[in-house]
N, C-alpha and C. Protein backbone atom coordinates (compact mmCIF):
# COMPACT_ATOMS: atom_id res chain seq x y z
N MET A 1 6.12 -6.25 -20.38
CA MET A 1 7.00 -7.44 -19.47
C MET A 1 6.07 -7.50 -18.21
N HIS A 2 5.65 -8.74 -17.71
CA HIS A 2 5.04 -8.91 -16.67
C HIS A 2 5.99 -8.31 -15.57
N PHE A 3 4.94 -7.95 -14.57
CA PHE A 3 5.86 -7.30 -13.19
C PHE A 3 6.66 -8.28 -12.66
N LEU A 4 6.55 -9.51 -12.38
CA LEU A 4 7.22 -10.52 -11.94
C LEU A 4 8.39 -10.65 -12.67
N ASN A 5 8.65 -10.48 -14.00
CA ASN A 5 9.88 -10.61 -14.89
C ASN A 5 10.37 -9.38 -14.64
N LYS A 6 9.98 -8.13 -14.61
CA LYS A 6 10.48 -6.78 -14.57
C LYS A 6 11.10 -6.73 -13.12
N ILE A 7 10.40 -7.05 -12.27
CA ILE A 7 11.19 -6.76 -10.73
C ILE A 7 12.48 -7.79 -10.61
N SER A 8 12.10 -8.71 -10.96
CA SER A 8 13.27 -9.85 -11.11
C SER A 8 14.59 -9.46 -11.72
N THR A 9 14.28 -8.63 -12.76
CA THR A 9 15.52 -8.34 -13.64
C THR A 9 15.90 -6.98 -13.11
N GLU A 10 14.93 -6.04 -13.01
CA GLU A 10 15.47 -4.67 -12.77
C GLU A 10 15.96 -4.23 -10.91
N TYR A 11 15.35 -5.14 -9.83
CA TYR A 11 15.44 -5.03 -8.91
C TYR A 11 16.27 -6.18 -8.19
N SER A 12 16.89 -5.96 -6.79
CA SER A 12 17.24 -6.98 -6.11
C SER A 12 16.37 -6.92 -4.66
N LEU A 13 15.57 -7.82 -4.53
CA LEU A 13 14.58 -7.66 -3.33
C LEU A 13 15.38 -8.47 -2.09
N ILE A 14 15.26 -7.82 -1.01
CA ILE A 14 16.07 -8.29 0.03
C ILE A 14 14.87 -8.39 1.26
N LEU A 15 14.82 -9.95 1.92
CA LEU A 15 13.97 -10.30 2.71
C LEU A 15 14.74 -10.04 4.24
N GLY A 16 14.48 -9.07 4.89
CA GLY A 16 15.14 -8.91 6.20
C GLY A 16 14.44 -9.81 7.35
N SER A 17 14.08 -10.99 7.07
CA SER A 17 13.57 -11.88 8.03
C SER A 17 14.11 -13.38 7.83
N ASN A 18 14.27 -13.93 8.95
CA ASN A 18 14.59 -15.39 8.93
C ASN A 18 13.20 -16.30 8.96
N SER A 19 11.99 -15.65 9.06
CA SER A 19 10.96 -16.26 8.97
C SER A 19 10.52 -17.55 7.87
N PRO A 20 10.59 -18.71 8.22
CA PRO A 20 10.35 -19.57 7.04
C PRO A 20 8.99 -19.40 6.46
N ARG A 21 8.12 -18.95 7.15
CA ARG A 21 6.83 -18.62 6.33
C ARG A 21 6.72 -17.81 5.51
N ARG A 22 7.64 -16.64 5.82
CA ARG A 22 7.52 -15.28 5.24
C ARG A 22 8.48 -15.64 3.88
N LYS A 23 9.37 -16.65 3.95
CA LYS A 23 10.20 -17.06 2.93
C LYS A 23 9.38 -17.61 1.93
N GLN A 24 8.43 -18.63 2.39
CA GLN A 24 7.53 -19.39 1.56
C GLN A 24 6.60 -18.80 0.69
N LEU A 25 5.93 -17.70 1.38
CA LEU A 25 4.91 -17.08 0.89
C LEU A 25 5.51 -16.36 -0.19
N LEU A 26 6.69 -15.47 -0.39
CA LEU A 26 7.18 -14.68 -1.23
C LEU A 26 7.62 -15.65 -2.41
N THR A 27 8.35 -16.80 -2.25
CA THR A 27 8.46 -17.60 -3.17
C THR A 27 7.48 -18.02 -3.77
N ASP A 28 6.19 -18.14 -2.98
CA ASP A 28 5.00 -19.00 -3.59
C ASP A 28 4.36 -17.95 -4.80
N ILE A 29 4.66 -16.41 -4.49
CA ILE A 29 3.88 -15.65 -5.68
C ILE A 29 4.95 -15.24 -6.60
N GLY A 30 6.25 -16.16 -6.51
CA GLY A 30 7.17 -15.66 -7.82
C GLY A 30 8.05 -14.93 -7.58
N LEU A 31 8.25 -14.17 -6.40
CA LEU A 31 9.36 -13.50 -6.39
C LEU A 31 10.73 -14.08 -5.96
N LYS A 32 11.76 -13.27 -6.64
CA LYS A 32 13.11 -13.72 -6.24
C LYS A 32 13.73 -12.72 -5.25
N PHE A 33 14.54 -13.33 -4.28
CA PHE A 33 14.83 -12.46 -3.37
C PHE A 33 16.07 -13.13 -2.49
N GLN A 34 16.77 -12.26 -1.88
CA GLN A 34 17.95 -12.61 -1.03
C GLN A 34 17.18 -12.75 0.51
N ILE A 35 17.88 -13.52 1.41
CA ILE A 35 17.40 -13.52 2.95
C ILE A 35 18.87 -13.03 3.65
N LYS A 36 18.49 -11.75 4.07
CA LYS A 36 19.47 -11.22 4.99
C LYS A 36 18.65 -10.80 6.37
N PRO A 37 18.74 -12.03 7.40
CA PRO A 37 18.00 -11.49 8.51
C PRO A 37 18.65 -10.42 9.34
N ILE A 38 17.83 -9.64 10.20
CA ILE A 38 18.20 -8.46 10.70
C ILE A 38 18.18 -9.01 12.27
N SER A 39 19.41 -8.89 13.02
CA SER A 39 19.58 -9.53 14.16
C SER A 39 19.86 -8.39 15.30
N GLY A 40 19.60 -8.75 16.45
CA GLY A 40 19.84 -7.72 17.60
C GLY A 40 18.72 -6.79 17.64
N VAL A 41 17.51 -6.88 16.86
CA VAL A 41 16.37 -5.90 17.08
C VAL A 41 15.49 -6.49 18.24
N LYS A 42 15.40 -5.85 19.31
CA LYS A 42 14.49 -6.19 20.43
C LYS A 42 13.06 -5.89 19.99
N GLU A 43 12.22 -6.61 20.20
CA GLU A 43 10.70 -6.22 19.85
C GLU A 43 10.12 -5.63 20.82
N GLU A 44 10.61 -4.48 21.19
CA GLU A 44 10.02 -3.69 22.37
C GLU A 44 9.42 -2.46 21.65
N TYR A 45 8.65 -1.77 22.60
CA TYR A 45 7.77 -0.57 22.16
C TYR A 45 7.46 0.10 23.37
N ASP A 46 7.05 1.35 23.20
CA ASP A 46 6.66 2.24 24.05
C ASP A 46 5.20 1.95 24.40
N PRO A 47 4.62 1.56 25.75
CA PRO A 47 3.61 1.04 25.87
C PRO A 47 2.36 2.20 25.77
N ASN A 48 2.80 3.25 25.45
CA ASN A 48 1.94 4.38 25.18
C ASN A 48 1.50 4.66 23.65
N ILE A 49 2.30 3.53 22.81
CA ILE A 49 1.74 3.60 21.44
C ILE A 49 0.28 2.81 21.37
N GLY A 50 -0.29 3.20 20.56
CA GLY A 50 -1.89 2.55 20.39
C GLY A 50 -1.50 1.11 19.82
N LEU A 51 -2.53 0.26 20.18
CA LEU A 51 -2.42 -1.07 19.89
C LEU A 51 -2.30 -1.41 18.47
N TYR A 52 -2.72 -0.45 17.91
CA TYR A 52 -2.84 -0.70 16.25
C TYR A 52 -1.81 -0.05 15.69
N GLU A 53 -0.78 0.58 16.40
CA GLU A 53 0.47 0.97 15.78
C GLU A 53 1.70 0.34 16.14
N VAL A 54 1.43 -0.69 16.97
CA VAL A 54 2.83 -1.31 17.41
C VAL A 54 3.34 -2.38 16.03
N ALA A 55 2.63 -2.99 15.46
CA ALA A 55 3.25 -3.60 14.28
C ALA A 55 3.78 -2.74 13.18
N ASN A 56 3.37 -1.45 12.93
CA ASN A 56 3.85 -0.55 12.21
C ASN A 56 5.21 -0.27 12.76
N PHE A 57 5.34 0.23 13.92
CA PHE A 57 6.51 0.75 14.78
C PHE A 57 7.49 -0.55 14.62
N LEU A 58 7.30 -1.81 14.92
CA LEU A 58 8.27 -2.51 14.96
C LEU A 58 8.66 -3.09 13.57
N SER A 59 7.85 -2.85 12.55
CA SER A 59 8.29 -3.23 11.13
C SER A 59 9.42 -2.05 10.55
N LYS A 60 8.89 -0.77 11.15
CA LYS A 60 10.07 0.21 10.84
C LYS A 60 11.20 0.23 11.57
N LYS A 61 11.12 -0.37 12.92
CA LYS A 61 12.36 -0.64 13.71
C LYS A 61 13.27 -1.60 12.99
N LYS A 62 12.78 -2.52 12.45
CA LYS A 62 13.39 -3.88 11.73
C LYS A 62 14.34 -3.12 10.49
N SER A 63 13.31 -2.43 9.76
CA SER A 63 14.02 -1.93 8.73
C SER A 63 14.71 -0.70 8.96
N ASN A 64 15.04 -0.25 9.70
CA ASN A 64 15.96 1.05 10.27
C ASN A 64 17.31 0.08 10.93
N HIS A 65 17.07 -0.86 11.29
CA HIS A 65 18.44 -1.64 11.91
C HIS A 65 19.05 -2.59 10.92
N TYR A 66 18.53 -2.57 9.60
CA TYR A 66 19.31 -3.29 8.83
C TYR A 66 20.86 -2.78 8.58
N PRO A 67 21.65 -3.69 8.56
CA PRO A 67 23.16 -3.33 8.89
C PRO A 67 23.70 -2.79 7.83
N ASN A 68 23.06 -3.09 6.45
CA ASN A 68 24.00 -2.78 5.27
C ASN A 68 23.29 -1.22 4.66
N ILE A 69 24.08 -0.65 4.17
CA ILE A 69 23.62 0.54 3.03
C ILE A 69 22.87 -0.05 1.87
N LEU A 70 21.75 0.32 1.58
CA LEU A 70 21.19 0.01 0.60
C LEU A 70 21.85 0.58 -0.69
N LYS A 71 21.78 -0.14 -1.52
CA LYS A 71 22.38 0.45 -3.16
C LYS A 71 21.13 0.70 -3.97
N GLU A 72 21.38 1.26 -5.02
CA GLU A 72 20.34 1.48 -6.00
C GLU A 72 19.71 0.07 -6.68
N LYS A 73 18.43 0.12 -6.63
CA LYS A 73 17.67 -0.85 -7.13
C LYS A 73 17.45 -2.08 -6.18
N GLU A 74 17.78 -1.82 -4.93
CA GLU A 74 17.86 -2.88 -3.69
C GLU A 74 16.46 -2.40 -3.07
N ILE A 75 15.65 -3.33 -2.74
CA ILE A 75 14.36 -2.82 -2.04
C ILE A 75 14.48 -4.07 -0.58
N LEU A 76 14.48 -3.50 0.34
CA LEU A 76 14.50 -4.24 1.60
C LEU A 76 12.99 -4.37 1.91
N ILE A 77 12.76 -5.62 2.60
CA ILE A 77 11.45 -5.73 3.03
C ILE A 77 11.30 -6.40 4.43
N THR A 78 10.86 -5.54 5.10
CA THR A 78 10.63 -6.01 6.48
C THR A 78 9.28 -6.14 7.14
N ALA A 79 8.93 -6.94 8.22
CA ALA A 79 7.51 -7.18 8.56
C ALA A 79 7.45 -7.47 9.97
N ASP A 80 6.18 -7.25 10.74
CA ASP A 80 6.24 -7.44 11.82
C ASP A 80 4.29 -7.94 12.22
N THR A 81 4.26 -8.96 12.71
CA THR A 81 2.95 -9.47 13.12
C THR A 81 2.73 -9.35 14.59
N VAL A 82 1.35 -8.97 15.05
CA VAL A 82 0.85 -9.02 16.34
C VAL A 82 -0.49 -9.46 16.41
N VAL A 83 -0.94 -10.13 17.42
CA VAL A 83 -2.11 -10.87 17.87
C VAL A 83 -2.84 -9.93 19.00
N ILE A 84 -3.95 -9.25 18.72
CA ILE A 84 -4.83 -8.26 19.72
C ILE A 84 -5.82 -9.48 20.08
N CYS A 85 -6.01 -9.62 21.59
CA CYS A 85 -7.05 -10.17 22.04
C CYS A 85 -7.61 -9.58 23.17
N ASP A 86 -8.81 -8.96 23.49
CA ASP A 86 -9.27 -8.47 24.73
C ASP A 86 -8.38 -7.27 24.69
N GLY A 87 -8.03 -6.40 24.03
CA GLY A 87 -7.23 -5.30 24.15
C GLY A 87 -5.66 -5.42 24.89
N THR A 88 -5.37 -6.60 24.43
CA THR A 88 -3.77 -7.19 24.92
C THR A 88 -2.93 -7.66 23.77
N ILE A 89 -1.96 -7.19 23.42
CA ILE A 89 -1.11 -7.73 22.39
C ILE A 89 -0.34 -9.05 22.86
N LEU A 90 -0.47 -10.15 22.36
CA LEU A 90 0.08 -11.41 22.39
C LEU A 90 1.21 -11.66 21.59
N GLY A 91 2.31 -11.59 22.19
CA GLY A 91 3.46 -11.61 21.57
C GLY A 91 3.93 -13.02 21.36
N LYS A 92 5.11 -13.47 21.15
CA LYS A 92 5.85 -14.70 21.12
C LYS A 92 6.12 -15.29 22.66
N PRO A 93 5.67 -16.51 22.84
CA PRO A 93 5.43 -17.06 24.15
C PRO A 93 6.92 -17.35 24.67
N LEU A 94 7.32 -17.26 25.97
CA LEU A 94 8.59 -17.73 26.43
C LEU A 94 8.67 -18.95 27.03
N SER A 95 7.49 -19.62 27.30
CA SER A 95 7.93 -20.73 27.86
C SER A 95 6.38 -21.57 27.48
N THR A 96 6.59 -22.87 27.84
CA THR A 96 5.36 -23.70 27.49
C THR A 96 4.10 -23.33 28.49
N ASN A 97 4.22 -22.75 29.69
CA ASN A 97 3.22 -22.28 30.12
C ASN A 97 2.56 -21.04 29.66
N GLU A 98 3.41 -20.09 29.10
CA GLU A 98 3.05 -18.87 28.61
C GLU A 98 2.00 -19.16 27.38
N SER A 99 2.66 -20.13 26.71
CA SER A 99 1.85 -20.59 25.45
C SER A 99 0.65 -21.09 25.76
N PHE A 100 0.58 -22.01 26.83
CA PHE A 100 -0.72 -22.19 26.98
C PHE A 100 -1.70 -21.41 27.43
N LEU A 101 -1.24 -20.47 27.97
CA LEU A 101 -2.15 -19.23 28.35
C LEU A 101 -2.51 -18.32 27.47
N MET A 102 -1.56 -18.16 26.35
CA MET A 102 -2.26 -17.36 25.25
C MET A 102 -3.08 -18.27 24.45
N LEU A 103 -3.03 -19.62 24.09
CA LEU A 103 -4.01 -20.26 23.67
C LEU A 103 -5.18 -20.49 24.22
N ASN A 104 -5.12 -20.65 25.49
CA ASN A 104 -6.45 -20.66 26.33
C ASN A 104 -7.10 -19.18 26.36
N LYS A 105 -6.38 -18.11 26.14
CA LYS A 105 -7.19 -16.70 26.27
C LYS A 105 -7.67 -16.51 24.86
N LEU A 106 -7.34 -17.15 23.76
CA LEU A 106 -7.83 -17.32 22.33
C LEU A 106 -8.89 -18.12 22.33
N SER A 107 -9.16 -19.13 22.74
CA SER A 107 -10.04 -20.13 23.11
C SER A 107 -11.63 -19.53 22.99
N GLY A 108 -12.55 -19.72 22.07
CA GLY A 108 -13.98 -19.43 22.15
C GLY A 108 -13.75 -18.09 21.73
N LYS A 109 -12.80 -17.34 21.44
CA LYS A 109 -13.05 -15.90 21.15
C LYS A 109 -12.74 -15.59 19.54
N THR A 110 -12.98 -14.25 19.26
CA THR A 110 -12.45 -13.46 17.86
C THR A 110 -11.19 -12.71 18.20
N HIS A 111 -10.03 -12.76 17.81
CA HIS A 111 -8.89 -12.04 18.15
C HIS A 111 -8.57 -11.41 16.63
N GLU A 112 -7.89 -10.44 16.54
CA GLU A 112 -7.14 -9.56 15.44
C GLU A 112 -5.67 -9.84 15.03
N VAL A 113 -5.34 -10.08 14.27
CA VAL A 113 -4.04 -10.50 13.71
C VAL A 113 -3.64 -9.05 12.71
N ILE A 114 -2.71 -8.49 12.94
CA ILE A 114 -2.19 -7.34 11.87
C ILE A 114 -0.77 -7.47 11.73
N THR A 115 -0.57 -7.39 10.52
CA THR A 115 0.83 -7.60 9.99
C THR A 115 1.18 -6.34 9.18
N SER A 116 2.42 -5.68 9.35
CA SER A 116 2.77 -4.34 8.97
C SER A 116 4.05 -4.55 8.01
N VAL A 117 4.15 -4.00 6.90
CA VAL A 117 5.09 -4.31 6.03
C VAL A 117 5.88 -2.98 5.96
N THR A 118 7.21 -3.00 5.72
CA THR A 118 8.00 -1.87 5.41
C THR A 118 8.71 -2.19 4.23
N LEU A 119 8.63 -1.29 3.15
CA LEU A 119 9.49 -1.41 1.90
C LEU A 119 10.16 0.00 1.83
N ARG A 120 11.65 -0.50 1.66
CA ARG A 120 12.70 0.77 1.60
C ARG A 120 13.85 0.53 0.75
N ASP A 121 13.89 1.77 -0.18
CA ASP A 121 15.02 1.69 -1.03
C ASP A 121 16.04 2.77 -0.51
N ILE A 122 16.92 3.05 -1.56
CA ILE A 122 17.74 4.63 -0.99
C ILE A 122 17.05 5.68 -0.89
N LEU A 123 15.99 5.87 -1.39
CA LEU A 123 15.36 7.15 -1.44
C LEU A 123 13.95 7.26 -0.74
N HIS A 124 13.23 5.92 -0.73
CA HIS A 124 12.06 6.16 -0.17
C HIS A 124 11.73 5.10 0.76
N SER A 125 10.52 5.19 1.59
CA SER A 125 10.29 4.18 2.42
C SER A 125 8.79 4.15 2.57
N THR A 126 7.76 3.16 2.89
CA THR A 126 6.49 3.12 3.05
C THR A 126 6.15 1.78 3.85
N THR A 127 5.11 2.21 4.59
CA THR A 127 4.82 1.01 5.60
C THR A 127 3.40 1.02 5.52
N PHE A 128 2.70 -0.16 5.24
CA PHE A 128 1.38 -0.48 5.42
C PHE A 128 1.16 -1.70 6.01
N SER A 129 -0.27 -1.76 6.44
CA SER A 129 -0.77 -2.95 7.41
C SER A 129 -2.01 -3.46 6.83
N GLU A 130 -2.24 -4.69 7.40
CA GLU A 130 -3.59 -5.23 7.07
C GLU A 130 -4.00 -5.97 8.39
N LYS A 131 -5.34 -5.93 8.76
CA LYS A 131 -5.94 -6.85 9.60
C LYS A 131 -6.91 -7.83 9.32
N THR A 132 -6.55 -8.74 10.17
CA THR A 132 -7.57 -9.98 9.93
C THR A 132 -7.96 -10.39 11.28
N LYS A 133 -9.44 -10.89 11.26
CA LYS A 133 -10.05 -11.27 12.32
C LYS A 133 -10.19 -12.96 12.36
N VAL A 134 -10.01 -13.45 13.42
CA VAL A 134 -9.72 -14.90 13.23
C VAL A 134 -10.68 -15.36 14.47
N THR A 135 -11.35 -16.13 14.38
CA THR A 135 -12.24 -16.97 15.57
C THR A 135 -11.95 -18.39 15.92
N PHE A 136 -11.62 -18.55 16.88
CA PHE A 136 -11.44 -20.05 17.48
C PHE A 136 -12.60 -20.35 18.03
N ARG A 137 -13.06 -21.74 17.83
CA ARG A 137 -13.95 -22.36 18.91
C ARG A 137 -13.34 -22.67 20.13
N SER A 138 -13.95 -23.00 20.99
CA SER A 138 -13.68 -23.35 22.56
C SER A 138 -12.70 -24.64 22.23
N LEU A 139 -11.51 -24.30 22.65
CA LEU A 139 -10.54 -25.47 22.57
C LEU A 139 -10.22 -26.43 23.94
N LEU A 140 -10.15 -27.66 23.88
CA LEU A 140 -9.87 -28.39 25.11
C LEU A 140 -8.50 -28.19 25.52
N LYS A 141 -8.40 -28.55 26.87
CA LYS A 141 -7.02 -28.51 27.43
C LYS A 141 -6.24 -29.40 26.72
N GLU A 142 -6.66 -30.59 26.62
CA GLU A 142 -5.74 -31.53 25.79
C GLU A 142 -5.31 -31.28 24.37
N GLU A 143 -6.26 -30.34 23.88
CA GLU A 143 -6.06 -30.30 22.39
C GLU A 143 -4.77 -29.16 22.55
N ILE A 144 -5.06 -27.96 23.20
CA ILE A 144 -3.91 -26.95 23.52
C ILE A 144 -2.54 -27.79 23.91
N GLU A 145 -2.42 -28.42 24.87
CA GLU A 145 -1.30 -29.27 25.32
C GLU A 145 -0.93 -30.35 24.19
N TYR A 146 -1.64 -30.70 23.38
CA TYR A 146 -1.06 -31.71 22.40
C TYR A 146 -0.42 -30.96 21.12
N TYR A 147 -1.12 -29.56 20.93
CA TYR A 147 -0.20 -28.61 19.91
C TYR A 147 0.89 -28.20 20.17
N ILE A 148 0.78 -27.77 21.50
CA ILE A 148 2.22 -27.05 22.23
C ILE A 148 3.31 -28.32 22.16
N ASN A 149 3.17 -29.32 22.66
CA ASN A 149 4.07 -30.56 22.83
C ASN A 149 4.37 -30.95 21.32
N ASN A 150 3.67 -30.94 20.47
CA ASN A 150 4.21 -31.27 19.12
C ASN A 150 4.60 -30.46 18.21
N PHE A 151 4.05 -29.33 18.17
CA PHE A 151 4.45 -28.14 17.11
C PHE A 151 5.13 -26.87 17.75
N LYS A 152 5.58 -26.80 19.23
CA LYS A 152 6.25 -25.96 20.00
C LYS A 152 6.18 -24.47 19.24
N PRO A 153 5.29 -23.91 19.42
CA PRO A 153 4.99 -22.71 18.36
C PRO A 153 5.59 -21.47 19.29
N PHE A 154 6.70 -21.50 19.73
CA PHE A 154 7.35 -20.43 20.46
C PHE A 154 8.01 -19.23 19.49
N ASP A 155 7.77 -19.58 18.30
CA ASP A 155 8.25 -18.37 17.40
C ASP A 155 7.14 -17.62 16.76
N LYS A 156 6.05 -18.09 17.39
CA LYS A 156 4.93 -17.31 16.62
C LYS A 156 3.92 -16.35 17.62
N ALA A 157 3.73 -15.37 16.81
CA ALA A 157 2.82 -14.24 17.63
C ALA A 157 1.50 -14.93 18.02
N GLY A 158 1.05 -14.95 19.28
CA GLY A 158 -0.13 -15.37 19.78
C GLY A 158 0.18 -16.99 19.97
N SER A 159 1.19 -17.66 19.83
CA SER A 159 1.64 -18.97 20.04
C SER A 159 0.64 -19.88 19.15
N TYR A 160 0.42 -19.66 17.80
CA TYR A 160 -0.18 -20.38 17.06
C TYR A 160 0.17 -20.25 15.53
N GLY A 161 0.22 -21.17 14.69
CA GLY A 161 0.33 -21.17 13.21
C GLY A 161 -0.86 -21.60 12.45
N VAL A 162 -1.57 -20.46 11.88
CA VAL A 162 -3.04 -20.61 11.23
C VAL A 162 -2.94 -22.07 10.22
N GLN A 163 -1.67 -22.02 9.87
CA GLN A 163 -1.48 -23.26 8.84
C GLN A 163 -1.02 -24.58 9.58
N GLU A 164 -1.06 -24.55 10.64
CA GLU A 164 -0.81 -26.01 11.48
C GLU A 164 -2.16 -26.40 11.97
N TRP A 165 -1.82 -27.43 12.62
CA TRP A 165 -2.80 -28.46 13.62
C TRP A 165 -3.78 -27.65 14.02
N ILE A 166 -3.43 -26.76 14.94
CA ILE A 166 -4.35 -25.92 15.83
C ILE A 166 -5.38 -25.16 14.68
N GLY A 167 -4.87 -24.73 13.57
CA GLY A 167 -5.59 -23.93 12.85
C GLY A 167 -6.50 -24.77 12.18
N TYR A 168 -6.01 -26.07 11.72
CA TYR A 168 -7.05 -26.97 11.03
C TYR A 168 -8.26 -27.40 11.94
N ILE A 169 -8.24 -27.60 13.07
CA ILE A 169 -9.07 -28.21 13.81
C ILE A 169 -9.80 -27.30 14.72
N GLY A 170 -9.05 -26.04 15.05
CA GLY A 170 -9.62 -25.07 16.05
C GLY A 170 -10.38 -23.68 15.50
N ILE A 171 -9.83 -23.43 14.22
CA ILE A 171 -10.52 -22.15 13.77
C ILE A 171 -11.66 -22.15 12.99
N GLU A 172 -12.72 -21.49 13.46
CA GLU A 172 -14.14 -21.65 12.72
C GLU A 172 -14.19 -20.64 11.94
N LYS A 173 -13.56 -19.42 12.07
CA LYS A 173 -13.84 -18.34 10.80
C LYS A 173 -12.58 -17.26 10.72
N ILE A 174 -12.53 -17.01 9.58
CA ILE A 174 -11.49 -15.96 9.11
C ILE A 174 -12.37 -14.76 8.39
N GLU A 175 -12.13 -13.67 8.84
CA GLU A 175 -12.39 -12.65 8.06
C GLU A 175 -11.37 -11.82 7.62
N GLY A 176 -10.91 -11.64 6.39
CA GLY A 176 -9.75 -10.95 5.82
C GLY A 176 -8.72 -11.81 5.31
N CYS A 177 -7.61 -11.53 5.02
CA CYS A 177 -6.58 -12.25 4.43
C CYS A 177 -5.83 -13.46 5.03
N TYR A 178 -6.15 -14.60 4.79
CA TYR A 178 -5.58 -15.81 5.37
C TYR A 178 -3.87 -15.70 5.40
N TYR A 179 -3.49 -15.10 4.40
CA TYR A 179 -1.89 -15.14 4.31
C TYR A 179 -1.19 -14.10 5.35
N ASN A 180 -2.03 -13.20 5.72
CA ASN A 180 -1.71 -12.16 6.63
C ASN A 180 -1.73 -12.69 7.98
N VAL A 181 -2.46 -13.70 8.51
CA VAL A 181 -2.19 -14.30 9.59
C VAL A 181 -0.89 -15.24 9.62
N MET A 182 -0.30 -15.52 8.49
CA MET A 182 0.65 -16.23 8.26
C MET A 182 1.89 -15.48 8.39
N GLY A 183 1.69 -14.17 8.20
CA GLY A 183 3.02 -13.17 8.25
C GLY A 183 3.13 -12.24 7.08
N LEU A 184 2.23 -12.40 6.15
CA LEU A 184 2.61 -11.45 5.05
C LEU A 184 1.10 -11.37 4.14
N PRO A 185 0.50 -10.23 4.15
CA PRO A 185 -0.38 -9.92 3.32
C PRO A 185 -0.41 -10.06 2.07
N LEU A 186 -0.31 -10.99 1.13
CA LEU A 186 0.43 -11.03 0.11
C LEU A 186 -0.37 -10.03 -1.06
N ASN A 187 -1.72 -9.94 -1.09
CA ASN A 187 -2.32 -9.21 -2.22
C ASN A 187 -1.75 -7.69 -1.94
N SER A 188 -1.96 -7.36 -0.90
CA SER A 188 -1.38 -5.96 -0.41
C SER A 188 0.03 -5.83 -0.85
N LEU A 189 0.82 -6.81 -0.50
CA LEU A 189 2.34 -6.61 -0.88
C LEU A 189 2.51 -6.61 -2.24
N TYR A 190 1.82 -7.35 -3.04
CA TYR A 190 1.98 -7.38 -4.30
C TYR A 190 1.67 -6.11 -5.04
N LEU A 191 0.37 -5.60 -4.71
CA LEU A 191 0.12 -4.22 -5.02
C LEU A 191 1.27 -3.05 -4.63
N GLN A 192 1.32 -3.24 -3.58
CA GLN A 192 2.30 -2.18 -2.91
C GLN A 192 3.75 -2.03 -3.55
N LEU A 193 4.16 -3.50 -3.94
CA LEU A 193 5.40 -3.42 -4.63
C LEU A 193 5.61 -2.85 -6.11
N LYS A 194 4.30 -3.10 -6.58
CA LYS A 194 4.33 -2.49 -7.76
C LYS A 194 4.34 -0.79 -7.97
N ASP A 195 3.51 -0.65 -6.77
CA ASP A 195 3.80 1.13 -6.69
C ASP A 195 4.75 1.53 -6.43
N PHE A 196 5.60 0.84 -5.54
CA PHE A 196 6.76 1.29 -5.10
C PHE A 196 8.05 1.20 -5.91
N THR A 197 7.75 0.27 -6.96
CA THR A 197 8.83 0.31 -7.98
C THR A 197 8.64 1.38 -8.97
N GLU A 198 7.25 1.67 -9.16
CA GLU A 198 7.06 2.61 -10.06
C GLU A 198 7.60 4.02 -9.64
N LEU A 199 7.44 4.45 -8.17
CA LEU A 199 7.82 5.49 -7.65
C LEU A 199 9.24 5.53 -7.75
N SER A 200 10.02 4.46 -7.45
CA SER A 200 11.51 4.32 -7.84
C SER A 200 11.80 4.52 -8.91
N LYS A 201 11.15 4.29 -9.94
CA LYS A 201 11.40 4.70 -11.53
C LYS A 201 11.48 5.91 -11.47
N GLN A 202 10.36 6.53 -11.29
CA GLN A 202 10.20 7.85 -11.45
C GLN A 202 11.51 8.87 -10.83
N SER A 203 11.74 8.32 -10.00
CA SER A 203 12.87 9.05 -9.05
C SER A 203 14.16 9.11 -9.59
N SER A 204 14.32 7.97 -10.36
CA SER A 204 15.89 7.60 -10.80
C SER A 204 16.11 8.38 -12.13
């Protein structure tokens, strides 16, 4: 039996996120799942945590705040994406001005996008992450303003969507997984799910 058929019949996948991009990516690789957003989780972290551990921390935090008790054969998927530029984490912008400042900071530079994913069932939990390097050409002030005004990227880490206009015209190079920048490293997630369900099977 193909893995996708097996996981669809034997397991109930739960996406603990309201992100339309993560929803679309999971759908596109053929997974069937429920969406149960986890509310009330503040994306706050100890500033003493290393930059490259923040996404892991927040992904686990979201998983731990899932309000329901997981049942047998249920697998919860949570994720967090951070953008790191010049040694600073760029989160989701709170205003048009902050959005402009973020994109202006990314302009003409290479930055890193890290997405961490946590898989959890009633017995096990695993967290993995992937890093992608993204290089923007130098962006004009008018280009940044056009993008913000028309696409309003206030729900996106780093204030941009790679799959949107600014990505089409502004990104010169991507080193690593493209889908990681969108919010889920699909190749790694697929392989990790295979391993995770095998572990779950051995423990049952």
